[in-house]
Protein backbone atom coordinates (compact mmCIF):
# COMPACT_ATOMS: atom_id res chain seq x y z
CA MET A 1 28.67 12.69 -11.35
CA LYS A 2 26.06 12.49 -14.07
CA MET A 3 22.90 14.46 -13.37
CA LEU A 4 19.62 12.67 -12.81
CA PHE A 5 18.28 14.17 -16.03
CA LYS A 6 18.49 17.32 -18.10
CA LEU A 7 15.42 19.07 -19.43
CA ARG A 8 15.44 21.45 -22.40
CA THR A 9 12.59 23.82 -23.08
CA LEU A 10 12.06 26.38 -25.82
CA LYS A 11 13.27 29.19 -23.58
CA SER A 12 16.03 27.58 -21.55
CA SER A 13 17.78 24.44 -20.46
CA TRP A 14 18.01 23.38 -16.86
CA THR A 15 19.05 20.50 -14.69
CA LEU A 16 17.46 18.82 -11.69
CA LYS A 17 20.10 17.71 -9.26
CA SER A 18 20.36 14.03 -8.39
CA PRO A 19 19.05 13.32 -4.88
CA CYS A 20 22.14 11.21 -4.30
CA ARG A 21 24.49 14.11 -5.08
CA ALA A 22 22.45 16.36 -2.83
CA PHE A 23 22.88 13.91 0.03
CA HIS A 24 26.63 13.46 -0.24
CA GLU A 25 27.25 17.20 -0.71
CA HIS A 26 25.08 17.92 2.35
CA PRO A 27 25.27 14.90 4.71
CA GLY A 28 22.53 16.19 7.02
CA LEU A 29 20.12 16.88 4.19
CA ARG A 30 16.59 15.53 4.52
CA ALA A 31 13.83 15.12 1.99
CA SER A 32 12.29 18.43 3.00
CA ASP A 33 15.39 20.29 1.77
CA LEU A 34 15.09 18.69 -1.65
CA TYR A 35 11.49 19.75 -2.09
CA SER A 36 12.22 23.27 -3.30
CA GLN A 37 14.36 21.93 -6.16
CA TYR A 38 11.32 20.28 -7.71
CA GLU A 39 8.77 22.95 -6.89
CA SER A 40 8.50 24.07 -10.50
CA VAL A 41 7.61 20.57 -11.63
CA ARG A 42 5.15 20.14 -8.79
CA ARG A 43 3.35 23.36 -9.75
CA GLY A 44 3.35 22.47 -13.42
CA ALA A 45 5.55 25.49 -14.22
CA GLN A 46 8.01 23.21 -16.02
CA GLU A 47 7.40 20.19 -18.17
CA MET A 48 8.07 16.69 -16.94
CA PRO A 49 11.34 15.17 -18.14
CA LYS A 50 10.90 13.02 -21.23
CA TYR A 51 13.00 10.11 -19.98
CA PHE A 52 13.37 8.55 -16.55
CA ASN A 53 14.34 5.11 -15.29
CA PHE A 54 14.29 4.30 -11.60
CA ALA A 55 17.06 1.70 -11.91
CA SER A 56 19.59 3.96 -13.62
CA ASP A 57 18.52 7.34 -12.25
CA VAL A 58 18.13 6.31 -8.62
CA LEU A 59 19.53 2.87 -7.76
CA ASP A 60 22.71 3.21 -9.84
CA LYS A 61 23.34 6.69 -8.44
CA TRP A 62 23.18 5.36 -4.89
CA SER A 63 25.60 2.61 -5.88
CA GLU A 64 28.06 5.28 -7.05
CA ILE A 65 27.71 7.18 -3.77
CA GLU A 66 28.15 3.97 -1.83
CA LYS A 67 31.33 3.03 -3.70
CA ALA A 68 32.69 6.50 -2.94
CA GLY A 69 32.17 5.80 0.77
CA LYS A 70 29.70 8.64 1.18
CA ARG A 71 26.65 6.69 2.33
CA PRO A 72 26.01 5.23 5.81
CA SER A 73 27.11 1.60 6.23
CA ASN A 74 23.63 0.08 6.62
CA PRO A 75 22.50 -2.15 3.73
CA ALA A 76 20.05 -1.18 1.01
CA PHE A 77 18.08 -4.39 1.52
CA TRP A 78 17.91 -6.60 4.61
CA TRP A 79 15.89 -9.83 4.64
CA VAL A 80 15.43 -12.31 7.50
CA ASN A 81 13.20 -15.34 7.92
CA GLY A 82 13.27 -15.80 11.70
CA LYS A 83 14.99 -19.16 11.33
CA GLY A 84 18.55 -17.97 11.01
CA GLY A 85 18.34 -17.10 7.33
CA GLU A 86 19.53 -13.61 6.47
CA VAL A 87 20.37 -11.61 3.33
CA LYS A 88 21.97 -8.17 3.22
CA TRP A 89 22.56 -6.35 -0.06
CA SER A 90 24.31 -3.06 -0.59
CA PHE A 91 23.19 -0.86 -3.50
CA GLU A 92 26.21 -2.11 -5.44
CA GLU A 93 25.20 -5.74 -4.85
CA LEU A 94 21.58 -4.93 -5.63
CA GLY A 95 22.64 -3.45 -8.96
CA PHE A 96 24.79 -6.47 -9.83
CA LEU A 97 22.02 -8.94 -8.97
CA SER A 98 19.21 -6.95 -10.60
CA ARG A 99 21.15 -6.80 -13.88
CA LYS A 100 21.38 -10.59 -13.81
CA ALA A 101 17.65 -10.78 -13.15
CA ALA A 102 17.00 -8.39 -16.03
CA ASN A 103 18.95 -10.69 -18.36
CA VAL A 104 16.87 -13.68 -17.25
CA LEU A 105 13.65 -11.82 -18.00
CA THR A 106 14.96 -10.53 -21.31
CA LYS A 107 16.04 -13.95 -22.57
CA GLU A 108 12.72 -15.48 -21.62
CA SER A 109 11.01 -12.86 -23.83
CA THR A 110 8.50 -11.92 -21.18
CA GLU A 111 6.13 -9.12 -22.15
CA GLN A 112 3.86 -8.98 -19.15
CA LEU A 113 4.88 -10.58 -15.92
CA HIS A 114 2.59 -11.82 -13.16
CA TYR A 115 4.64 -12.05 -10.02
CA SER A 116 4.14 -13.64 -6.62
CA ILE A 117 5.91 -13.01 -3.33
CA VAL A 118 9.22 -14.75 -3.96
CA THR A 119 12.19 -12.53 -4.94
CA VAL A 120 9.89 -9.57 -5.52
CA TRP A 121 12.57 -7.01 -4.74
CA LEU A 122 15.23 -8.60 -6.92
CA GLY A 123 12.81 -9.37 -9.75
CA MET A 124 11.25 -5.93 -9.70
CA SER A 125 14.61 -4.20 -9.57
CA GLY A 126 15.61 -6.22 -12.62
CA GLN A 127 12.35 -5.54 -14.39
CA ILE A 128 12.72 -1.77 -13.99
CA HIS A 129 15.80 -1.93 -16.24
CA LEU A 130 13.63 -3.07 -19.12
CA ARG A 131 11.12 -1.56 -21.48
CA GLY A 132 7.96 -3.44 -22.42
CA ILE A 133 7.89 -5.77 -19.42
CA VAL A 134 5.16 -4.83 -16.97
CA LEU A 135 5.16 -6.29 -13.48
CA ILE A 136 1.90 -7.45 -11.87
CA PRO A 137 2.65 -8.05 -8.18
CA GLY A 138 0.71 -10.89 -6.61
CA ILE A 139 -0.29 -11.87 -3.10
CA SER A 140 1.15 -14.83 -1.24
CA GLN A 141 -2.37 -16.00 -0.34
CA LEU A 142 -3.79 -16.12 -3.86
CA THR A 143 -6.01 -19.12 -4.55
CA ALA A 144 -6.23 -20.96 -7.86
CA LYS A 145 -9.38 -18.98 -8.64
CA ASP A 146 -7.59 -15.70 -7.92
CA ILE A 147 -4.65 -16.68 -10.12
CA LEU A 148 -6.94 -17.74 -12.96
CA TYR A 149 -8.81 -14.42 -12.87
CA ARG A 150 -5.59 -12.39 -12.84
CA LEU A 151 -3.89 -14.34 -15.61
CA GLN A 152 -6.93 -14.21 -17.86
CA ALA A 153 -7.69 -10.54 -17.19
CA SER A 154 -4.08 -9.36 -17.60
CA LYS A 155 -3.17 -11.69 -20.49
CA ALA A 156 0.17 -12.14 -18.74
CA THR A 157 2.70 -14.18 -20.69
CA CYS A 158 4.92 -15.16 -17.77
CA ILE A 159 4.45 -16.02 -14.10
CA ILE A 160 7.08 -16.38 -11.39
CA THR A 161 6.24 -18.07 -8.11
CA ASN A 162 7.49 -20.67 -5.63
CA ASP A 163 6.77 -24.28 -4.66
CA THR A 164 3.79 -23.26 -2.55
CA LEU A 165 1.77 -21.60 -5.30
CA ALA A 166 3.04 -23.57 -8.31
CA PRO A 167 0.39 -26.34 -7.92
CA ALA A 168 -2.38 -23.72 -7.97
CA VAL A 169 -0.92 -22.24 -11.16
CA ASP A 170 -0.73 -25.69 -12.79
CA SER A 171 -4.36 -26.37 -11.95
CA VAL A 172 -5.53 -23.39 -14.06
CA ALA A 173 -2.71 -22.93 -16.61
CA SER A 174 -4.60 -24.80 -19.35
CA GLU A 175 -7.29 -22.11 -19.22
CA CYS A 176 -4.77 -19.27 -19.68
CA GLN A 177 -4.09 -19.03 -23.40
CA PHE A 178 -1.58 -16.18 -23.14
CA LEU A 179 0.63 -17.82 -20.50
CA LYS A 180 3.79 -19.02 -22.22
CA THR A 181 6.47 -19.13 -19.53
CA LYS A 182 6.38 -20.41 -15.96
CA LEU A 183 9.39 -19.61 -13.76
CA ILE A 184 9.74 -21.22 -10.35
CA VAL A 185 12.03 -20.02 -7.57
CA SER A 186 13.05 -23.33 -6.08
CA LYS A 187 16.03 -25.54 -5.30
CA GLY A 188 14.45 -28.39 -7.21
CA SER A 189 12.81 -28.82 -10.58
CA ARG A 190 9.15 -29.01 -11.53
CA GLU A 191 7.75 -30.36 -14.78
CA GLY A 192 6.71 -27.62 -17.18
CA TRP A 193 8.57 -24.92 -15.29
CA LEU A 194 11.88 -23.14 -15.85
CA ASN A 195 13.96 -22.79 -12.71
CA PHE A 196 14.57 -19.10 -12.06
CA THR A 197 17.23 -19.90 -9.48
CA GLU A 198 19.31 -21.92 -11.94
CA LEU A 199 18.85 -19.45 -14.78
CA PHE A 200 19.83 -16.61 -12.49
CA LYS A 201 22.91 -18.41 -11.16
CA ASN A 202 24.33 -18.92 -14.63
CA GLN A 203 23.36 -15.50 -15.96
CA SER A 204 25.73 -12.68 -16.85
CA ALA A 205 25.57 -9.40 -14.97
CA ASP A 206 26.53 -7.48 -18.10
CA HIS A 207 23.40 -5.50 -18.85
CA SER A 208 22.76 -1.95 -19.99
CA CYS A 209 19.65 -0.31 -18.62
CA VAL A 210 17.28 0.76 -21.37
CA LYS A 211 16.23 4.37 -21.84
CA THR A 212 12.61 4.48 -20.75
CA ARG A 213 10.15 7.28 -21.21
CA ILE A 214 8.81 8.71 -17.99
CA GLN A 215 5.28 7.59 -18.88
CA ASP A 216 6.28 4.03 -19.79
CA PRO A 217 4.26 1.51 -17.74
CA VAL A 218 6.03 -0.24 -14.88
CA CYS A 219 3.36 -2.01 -12.84
CA ILE A 220 -0.23 -3.14 -12.96
CA PHE A 221 -1.91 -3.53 -9.59
CA PHE A 222 -5.17 -5.33 -9.02
CA THR A 223 -7.46 -3.38 -6.70
CA SER A 224 -8.61 -4.97 -3.46
CA GLY A 225 -12.00 -5.99 -4.81
CA THR A 226 -13.98 -4.76 -1.82
CA THR A 227 -16.83 -3.88 -4.20
CA GLY A 228 -16.94 -6.22 -7.19
CA PHE A 229 -14.16 -7.84 -9.17
CA PRO A 230 -10.63 -6.38 -8.82
CA LYS A 231 -9.69 -3.86 -11.51
CA MET A 232 -6.29 -3.53 -13.20
CA VAL A 233 -4.60 -0.21 -12.41
CA GLU A 234 -1.59 0.75 -14.53
CA HIS A 235 1.26 2.86 -13.09
CA SER A 236 4.26 4.37 -14.84
CA GLN A 237 7.88 5.34 -14.17
CA SER A 238 6.44 8.75 -13.36
CA SER A 239 3.76 7.82 -10.85
CA LEU A 240 5.86 5.26 -8.99
CA GLY A 241 9.52 6.14 -9.50
CA PHE A 242 9.68 9.89 -10.12
CA ARG A 243 6.90 10.92 -7.72
CA PRO A 244 8.78 10.20 -4.46
CA LEU A 245 11.56 12.58 -5.52
CA LEU A 246 9.08 15.33 -4.77
CA SER A 247 6.76 13.97 -2.10
CA GLU A 248 8.69 11.52 0.09
CA ARG A 249 8.89 13.59 3.24
CA TYR A 250 5.15 13.93 3.55
CA TRP A 251 4.51 10.44 4.83
CA LEU A 252 7.85 8.77 5.57
CA ASP A 253 10.56 11.47 5.76
CA LEU A 254 13.46 9.04 5.54
CA THR A 255 17.22 9.51 5.25
CA ALA A 256 20.01 7.23 4.05
CA SER A 257 20.56 6.15 7.68
CA ASP A 258 16.99 4.93 8.23
CA ILE A 259 15.61 1.39 8.18
CA ILE A 260 11.97 0.83 7.24
CA TRP A 261 9.80 -2.28 7.53
CA SER A 262 6.40 -2.60 5.87
CA THR A 263 4.45 -5.75 6.78
CA ALA A 264 2.07 -5.39 3.83
CA ASP A 265 1.87 -8.27 1.37
CA THR A 266 3.37 -7.80 -2.06
CA GLY A 267 0.23 -7.25 -4.13
CA TRP A 268 -0.75 -4.08 -2.28
CA ILE A 269 0.53 -0.81 -3.78
CA VAL A 270 1.84 0.32 -0.39
CA THR A 271 4.46 -2.45 -0.65
CA SER A 272 5.82 -0.86 -3.82
CA LEU A 273 5.72 2.56 -2.17
CA ALA A 274 7.01 1.70 1.31
CA SER A 275 9.20 -1.29 0.44
CA LEU A 276 10.81 -0.21 -2.80
CA PHE A 277 10.42 3.11 -4.59
CA ASP A 278 10.05 5.67 -1.80
CA PRO A 279 12.76 4.46 0.63
CA TRP A 280 15.32 3.81 -2.11
CA VAL A 281 14.93 7.33 -3.50
CA PHE A 282 16.64 8.51 -0.32
CA GLY A 283 19.00 5.58 0.09
CA SER A 284 17.19 4.05 3.06
CA CYS A 285 17.41 0.39 4.04
CA ILE A 286 14.38 -1.75 3.28
CA PHE A 287 13.87 -4.42 5.94
CA VAL A 288 11.83 -7.55 5.27
CA HIS A 289 10.89 -10.36 7.63
CA HIS A 290 9.51 -13.30 5.69
CA LEU A 291 6.21 -13.94 7.43
CA PRO A 292 4.01 -16.81 6.15
CA GLN A 293 1.55 -15.60 8.79
CA ILE A 294 1.38 -12.38 10.79
CA GLU A 295 2.07 -13.28 14.42
CA SER A 296 2.25 -10.77 17.26
CA ALA A 297 5.20 -12.39 19.00
CA THR A 298 7.24 -12.51 15.80
CA ILE A 299 6.58 -8.86 15.00
CA LEU A 300 7.36 -7.70 18.53
CA ASN A 301 10.51 -9.82 18.83
CA THR A 302 11.76 -8.56 15.48
CA LEU A 303 11.27 -4.93 16.53
CA SER A 304 13.17 -5.72 19.73
CA ARG A 305 16.12 -7.40 17.97
CA HIS A 306 16.55 -5.32 14.81
CA PRO A 307 17.09 -1.54 14.44
CA VAL A 308 13.91 -0.87 12.51
CA GLY A 309 13.08 2.83 12.77
CA THR A 310 9.84 3.00 10.75
CA LEU A 311 7.05 0.43 10.85
CA VAL A 312 4.24 0.44 8.26
CA GLY A 313 1.24 -1.85 8.70
CA ALA A 314 -2.47 -2.27 8.24
CA PRO A 315 -4.84 -1.44 11.14
CA THR A 316 -5.24 -5.18 11.73
CA LEU A 317 -1.56 -5.34 12.71
CA PHE A 318 -1.85 -2.67 15.40
CA ARG A 319 -5.19 -4.03 16.65
CA MET A 320 -3.44 -7.35 17.11
CA LEU A 321 -0.31 -5.95 18.76
CA VAL A 322 -2.12 -3.90 21.42
CA GLN A 323 -3.73 -7.07 22.78
CA ASN A 324 -0.28 -8.17 24.02
CA ASP A 325 1.58 -7.29 27.19
CA LEU A 326 3.96 -4.83 25.54
CA SER A 327 5.80 -4.05 28.79
CA SER A 328 7.98 -7.14 28.22
CA TYR A 329 9.28 -5.79 24.89
CA LYS A 330 11.82 -3.02 24.37
CA PHE A 331 11.96 -1.85 20.78
CA MET A 332 15.51 -1.38 19.56
CA ASN A 333 15.04 1.73 17.43
CA LEU A 334 11.37 2.17 16.54
CA LYS A 335 10.43 5.84 16.20
CA HIS A 336 7.77 6.17 13.52
CA CYS A 337 4.60 4.06 13.05
CA VAL A 338 2.33 4.31 10.02
CA SER A 339 -1.06 2.68 9.45
CA GLY A 340 -3.03 2.50 6.22
CA GLY A 341 -5.40 0.43 4.13
CA GLU A 342 -8.53 1.27 6.10
CA PRO A 343 -9.28 3.55 9.07
CA LEU A 344 -7.62 2.82 12.39
CA ASN A 345 -9.86 3.04 15.42
CA PRO A 346 -8.89 5.87 17.82
CA GLU A 347 -9.05 3.45 20.75
CA VAL A 348 -6.24 1.37 19.22
CA MET A 349 -4.14 4.51 18.68
CA GLU A 350 -4.59 5.45 22.31
CA GLN A 351 -3.68 1.98 23.56
CA TRP A 352 -0.54 1.85 21.39
CA LYS A 353 0.50 5.30 22.60
CA SER A 354 -0.02 4.41 26.27
CA LYS A 355 1.85 1.10 25.96
CA THR A 356 4.75 2.16 23.73
CA GLY A 357 4.92 5.94 23.91
CA LEU A 358 4.65 6.04 20.11
CA ASP A 359 2.05 7.70 17.93
CA ILE A 360 0.49 6.00 14.92
CA HIS A 361 0.39 8.20 11.83
CA GLU A 362 -2.50 7.39 9.53
CA ILE A 363 -2.34 7.41 5.77
CA TYR A 364 -5.18 7.21 3.28
CA GLY A 365 -4.74 6.16 -0.29
CA GLN A 366 -5.97 4.12 -3.20
CA THR A 367 -4.38 1.84 -5.75
CA GLU A 368 -5.02 4.52 -8.35
CA MET A 369 -3.08 7.31 -6.63
CA GLY A 370 -0.98 5.91 -3.82
CA ILE A 371 -1.00 8.15 -0.75
CA ILE A 372 -3.76 10.78 -0.94
CA CYS A 373 -3.79 12.03 2.66
CA SER A 374 -1.50 11.44 5.59
CA VAL A 375 -0.58 12.57 9.07
CA PHE A 376 2.96 13.81 8.47
CA LYS A 377 5.76 13.73 11.02
CA GLY A 378 5.48 16.61 13.45
CA MET A 379 1.87 17.26 12.52
CA LYS A 380 -0.85 17.40 15.16
CA ILE A 381 -2.65 14.07 15.38
CA LYS A 382 -6.41 14.13 15.55
CA PRO A 383 -7.45 10.56 16.45
CA GLY A 384 -9.75 9.19 13.77
CA SER A 385 -8.55 11.62 11.10
CA MET A 386 -6.48 10.48 8.13
CA GLY A 387 -4.59 13.77 8.00
CA LYS A 388 -4.20 16.36 5.29
CA ALA A 389 -3.81 16.19 1.52
CA ALA A 390 -0.52 14.86 0.15
CA PRO A 391 1.56 16.96 -2.24
CA PHE A 392 0.42 17.22 -5.86
CA TYR A 393 -3.11 16.48 -4.71
CA ASP A 394 -5.89 19.02 -4.35
CA VAL A 395 -8.25 16.92 -2.21
CA GLN A 396 -11.81 18.12 -1.71
CA ILE A 397 -15.19 16.90 -0.50
CA VAL A 398 -17.65 17.14 -3.39
CA ASP A 399 -21.32 16.47 -4.03
CA LYS A 400 -22.84 14.38 -6.82
CA ASN A 401 -22.37 17.28 -9.25
CA ALA A 402 -18.68 17.76 -8.36
CA ASN A 403 -19.37 20.95 -6.43
CA ILE A 404 -16.90 21.53 -3.58
CA LEU A 405 -18.63 21.29 -0.21
CA PRO A 406 -17.77 23.48 2.81
CA PRO A 407 -15.95 22.13 5.90
CA GLY A 408 -18.01 19.80 8.04
CA GLN A 409 -20.38 18.75 5.26
CA GLU A 410 -20.45 15.11 4.22
CA GLY A 411 -19.70 14.22 0.61
CA GLU A 412 -17.40 12.18 -1.56
CA ILE A 413 -13.62 12.38 -1.24
CA ALA A 414 -12.24 13.57 -4.57
CA VAL A 415 -8.90 14.61 -6.06
CA ARG A 416 -8.63 17.31 -8.72
CA SER A 417 -7.51 15.74 -11.99
CA LYS A 418 -8.05 18.65 -14.43
CA PRO A 419 -6.66 20.69 -16.06
CA ILE A 420 -3.35 19.08 -15.00
CA ARG A 421 -3.30 15.41 -14.12
CA PRO A 422 -1.32 15.03 -10.86
CA LEU A 423 2.05 13.31 -10.93
CA GLY A 424 1.14 10.29 -8.82
CA PHE A 425 -1.98 9.34 -10.77
CA PHE A 426 -2.38 5.98 -12.46
CA SER A 427 -2.34 5.88 -16.25
CA LYS A 428 -5.59 3.98 -16.80
CA TYR A 429 -7.74 1.02 -15.88
CA VAL A 430 -6.36 -1.58 -18.27
CA ASP A 431 -8.82 -2.71 -20.96
CA ASN A 432 -11.57 -0.68 -19.31
CA PRO A 433 -11.86 2.78 -20.92
CA LYS A 434 -15.44 3.19 -19.67
CA LYS A 435 -14.34 2.71 -16.08
CA THR A 436 -11.43 5.10 -16.60
CA ALA A 437 -13.82 7.77 -17.92
CA ALA A 438 -16.45 7.10 -15.24
CA SER A 439 -13.90 7.60 -12.45
CA GLU A 440 -13.94 11.34 -13.14
CA ARG A 441 -16.71 13.77 -12.28
CA GLY A 442 -16.23 17.30 -13.53
CA ASP A 443 -12.64 18.27 -12.73
CA PHE A 444 -12.22 15.54 -10.11
CA PHE A 445 -11.31 11.90 -9.75
CA VAL A 446 -13.89 10.51 -7.32
CA THR A 447 -12.67 7.89 -4.88
CA GLY A 448 -15.98 6.25 -4.00
CA ASP A 449 -15.32 7.04 -0.33
CA LYS A 450 -17.50 9.26 1.82
CA GLY A 451 -15.88 11.73 4.17
CA THR A 452 -15.71 15.22 5.60
CA MET A 453 -13.03 17.89 5.95
CA ASP A 454 -12.76 20.10 9.01
CA GLU A 455 -11.79 23.77 9.28
CA ASP A 456 -8.11 22.82 9.69
CA GLY A 457 -7.97 20.81 6.47
CA TYR A 458 -8.01 17.39 8.16
CA PHE A 459 -10.01 14.69 6.39
CA TRP A 460 -12.29 12.21 8.13
CA PHE A 461 -13.34 8.91 6.60
CA ILE A 462 -16.98 7.84 6.88
CA GLY A 463 -17.13 4.78 4.64
CA ARG A 464 -17.39 3.48 1.11
CA ASP A 465 -20.26 5.12 -0.73
CA ASP A 466 -22.20 1.86 -0.76
CA ASP A 467 -21.34 1.10 2.90
CA ILE A 468 -23.47 3.98 4.22
CA ILE A 469 -26.49 2.74 6.18
CA ILE A 470 -29.76 4.69 5.96
CA SER A 471 -32.05 3.72 8.82
CA SER A 472 -35.33 5.57 9.42
CA GLY A 473 -33.91 8.46 7.41
CA TYR A 474 -30.68 8.65 9.43
CA ARG A 475 -27.37 8.22 7.57
CA ILE A 476 -24.95 6.07 9.56
CA GLY A 477 -21.29 5.48 8.68
CA PRO A 478 -20.10 2.01 9.75
CA PHE A 479 -16.67 3.15 10.87
CA GLU A 480 -18.00 5.23 13.77
CA VAL A 481 -19.99 2.27 15.09
CA GLU A 482 -17.03 -0.06 14.64
CA SER A 483 -14.76 2.34 16.54
CA ALA A 484 -17.23 2.47 19.41
CA LEU A 485 -17.47 -1.32 19.57
CA ILE A 486 -13.73 -1.91 19.50
CA GLU A 487 -13.33 0.28 22.59
CA HIS A 488 -14.95 -2.53 24.56
CA PRO A 489 -12.38 -5.01 25.96
CA ALA A 490 -14.39 -8.01 24.72
CA VAL A 491 -14.08 -6.96 21.06
CA ALA A 492 -11.02 -7.83 18.97
CA GLU A 493 -12.41 -6.94 15.57
CA THR A 494 -15.75 -5.96 14.10
CA ALA A 495 -17.50 -5.10 10.86
CA VAL A 496 -20.74 -3.14 10.57
CA VAL A 497 -23.16 -3.39 7.63
CA SER A 498 -26.78 -2.73 6.80
CA SER A 499 -29.42 -5.39 7.39
CA PRO A 500 -33.04 -5.38 6.11
CA ASP A 501 -35.76 -4.33 8.53
CA PRO A 502 -39.51 -4.19 7.78
CA LEU A 503 -40.05 -1.03 9.85
CA ARG A 504 -36.89 1.04 9.35
CA GLY A 505 -35.93 -0.17 5.87
CA GLU A 506 -32.49 -1.15 7.11
CA VAL A 507 -30.73 -1.24 10.45
CA VAL A 508 -27.18 -1.51 11.72
CA LYS A 509 -25.81 -5.02 12.16
CA ALA A 510 -22.45 -5.74 13.77
CA PHE A 511 -20.36 -8.85 13.19
CA VAL A 512 -18.05 -9.23 16.18
CA VAL A 513 -14.87 -11.25 16.72
CA LEU A 514 -14.23 -11.64 20.43
CA SER A 515 -10.86 -10.93 21.99
CA SER A 516 -8.78 -14.00 22.85
CA THR A 517 -8.45 -12.66 26.40
CA PHE A 518 -12.21 -12.50 26.86
CA SER A 519 -13.86 -15.34 28.70
CA CYS A 520 -16.94 -16.21 26.69
CA GLY A 521 -20.07 -16.28 28.81
CA ASP A 522 -23.66 -15.30 28.10
CA LEU A 523 -23.51 -13.90 24.56
CA LYS A 524 -27.03 -12.49 24.80
CA SER A 525 -26.04 -10.41 27.80
CA LEU A 526 -22.81 -9.39 26.09
CA ALA A 527 -24.69 -8.27 23.00
CA HIS A 528 -26.92 -6.06 25.16
CA GLU A 529 -23.88 -4.67 26.94
CA LEU A 530 -22.21 -3.82 23.62
CA GLN A 531 -25.37 -2.15 22.34
CA GLU A 532 -25.58 0.03 25.44
CA HIS A 533 -21.91 0.87 25.08
CA VAL A 534 -22.44 2.12 21.52
CA LYS A 535 -25.47 4.16 22.58
CA LYS A 536 -23.38 5.96 25.17
CA THR A 537 -20.34 6.40 22.89
CA THR A 538 -22.19 7.62 19.78
CA ALA A 539 -25.67 8.86 18.99
CA PRO A 540 -28.30 6.35 20.24
CA TYR A 541 -29.78 5.81 16.77
CA LYS A 542 -26.43 4.41 15.56
CA TYR A 543 -26.29 1.39 17.84
CA PRO A 544 -26.35 -2.08 16.21
CA ARG A 545 -29.87 -3.46 16.55
CA LYS A 546 -28.55 -6.79 15.30
CA MET A 547 -25.37 -8.52 16.37
CA GLU A 548 -23.64 -11.74 15.37
CA PHE A 549 -20.54 -13.23 16.99
CA VAL A 550 -18.17 -14.86 14.50
CA GLN A 551 -14.76 -16.54 14.55
CA GLN A 552 -13.36 -14.36 11.77
CA LEU A 553 -14.32 -11.70 9.25
CA PRO A 554 -14.07 -12.16 5.47
CA LYS A 555 -11.15 -10.19 4.09
CA THR A 556 -9.48 -9.46 0.79
CA VAL A 557 -6.01 -10.82 0.16
CA THR A 558 -4.67 -7.42 1.22
CA GLY A 559 -6.39 -7.69 4.61
CA LYS A 560 -9.31 -5.30 4.06
CA ILE A 561 -12.65 -6.37 5.51
CA LYS A 562 -15.10 -7.38 2.78
CA ARG A 563 -18.16 -5.59 4.09
CA ASN A 564 -19.87 -6.05 0.74
CA GLU A 565 -19.80 -9.83 1.27
CA LEU A 566 -21.36 -9.51 4.70
CA ARG A 567 -23.92 -7.06 3.38
CA ASP A 568 -24.84 -9.29 0.42
CA LYS A 569 -25.34 -12.19 2.81
CA GLU A 570 -27.68 -10.09 4.95
CA TRP A 571 -29.72 -9.05 1.95
CA GLY A 572 -29.87 -12.56 0.46
CA ARG A 573 -27.76 -11.69 -2.57
CA MET A 574 -25.41 -14.65 -2.26
């Protein structure tokens, strides 16, 4: 079998073994056993390979192993819709279909592709074959305003979506001068649109994957926009496709027999990591349940009827699931649960553990770098901690001058970016060199998040730099107050922000969504009860002096709470 790639240096030539060959030569091999093979690259002792393409160097290799009968029988991709619809693709079928998709994209001369939820996996697999086409994953809940901003900012020349979002695209298309091609995934036709389904059906599968450089761009992700307008973050074949060859085991630790389900929407980078690149490096099956809306019963029933072994979701998912009577559900094969996107309250972790017997492993990351910290399998869980630094990353707590702070001292979470830029780093903020330069302080990339590190190397999230509340000289992180509030059975979800106060400068205000199981009574009395609860759970000065009960909290399209919006409202800035 052809090697993954061969690297020649001035002193010697050497070969990195294909992960697929390693698996079929050693059937019990796990990602941890592969790690030593790439240690020299990880340490920077050897140069990166010049060329790499995820489609040919990973997906096609798994197809070869599959055809040789040396991979478990589970599919590479498994999609259900809960209404009887089901799709299962092997790696061989995935390769055949993705080559057809690549031909569609090639013939439509797309240069930069804005993509919505429909056929993401097929379209992205096809796009990886190509050079010069950059994918911009979108969210299924994008509004016309969101689409307009993204099309104008990215200068995308092509958009692919479905019947649901096509009207929103049409309403703003006239304002998008670079948009040339609109592809719709639909059984019917729509004026001004090319039908991707029809083009795909009649397309040849004869396609040769291009030879891409390892630093060629693959994706542009828009950040969540929790503080200001979303930024465009560019990732390459290296940061998305090559990286998991070296770091997979540290947050997923999958094998070719495993099935993973991530409930994250498609515009979030964790979807690309957990629902495409990382699992397929090790031949795992990616499971997808088409969910127009996240519903507890649907999630729980799916876990009970399908052999999903790893579940990845935002904290909102687990907060929602623990409110159910889980004793009536028996999960078919669930063994590993992962939460990321924002901190998960320790109370929710404890409830999930008591009701299911399963731990929740936290991950912490950013669009710019993927997974920065995580609680790995087999690692001691410290509730409230986001774990230890991921491979390639030297994570530290630094002060405003980029000095490394000792354990226990609060500062900004930062990742060393000099003298060697880590493998998983983004390439740049597109069309924003000033922002790219400003993201570094000394030898570090600064995340904008406040945190601490303990003596054991575990990191603890405090809040976004601008989320910190300073009241009467005391610095208060909103997450600790939120975690205390959510321990109370009346609270389903909460967000804590600063609010102006003539005496203290600013005070803590909590916006509270009540649990559906809570019988609403005297809200004034409940507010007092919650305040007393926080006083007893945390330091008394941290309790919310103001409280407002709301039906829902404002969130980004990726499900993160928009505390900046609540804060701006409090301070009269909107």
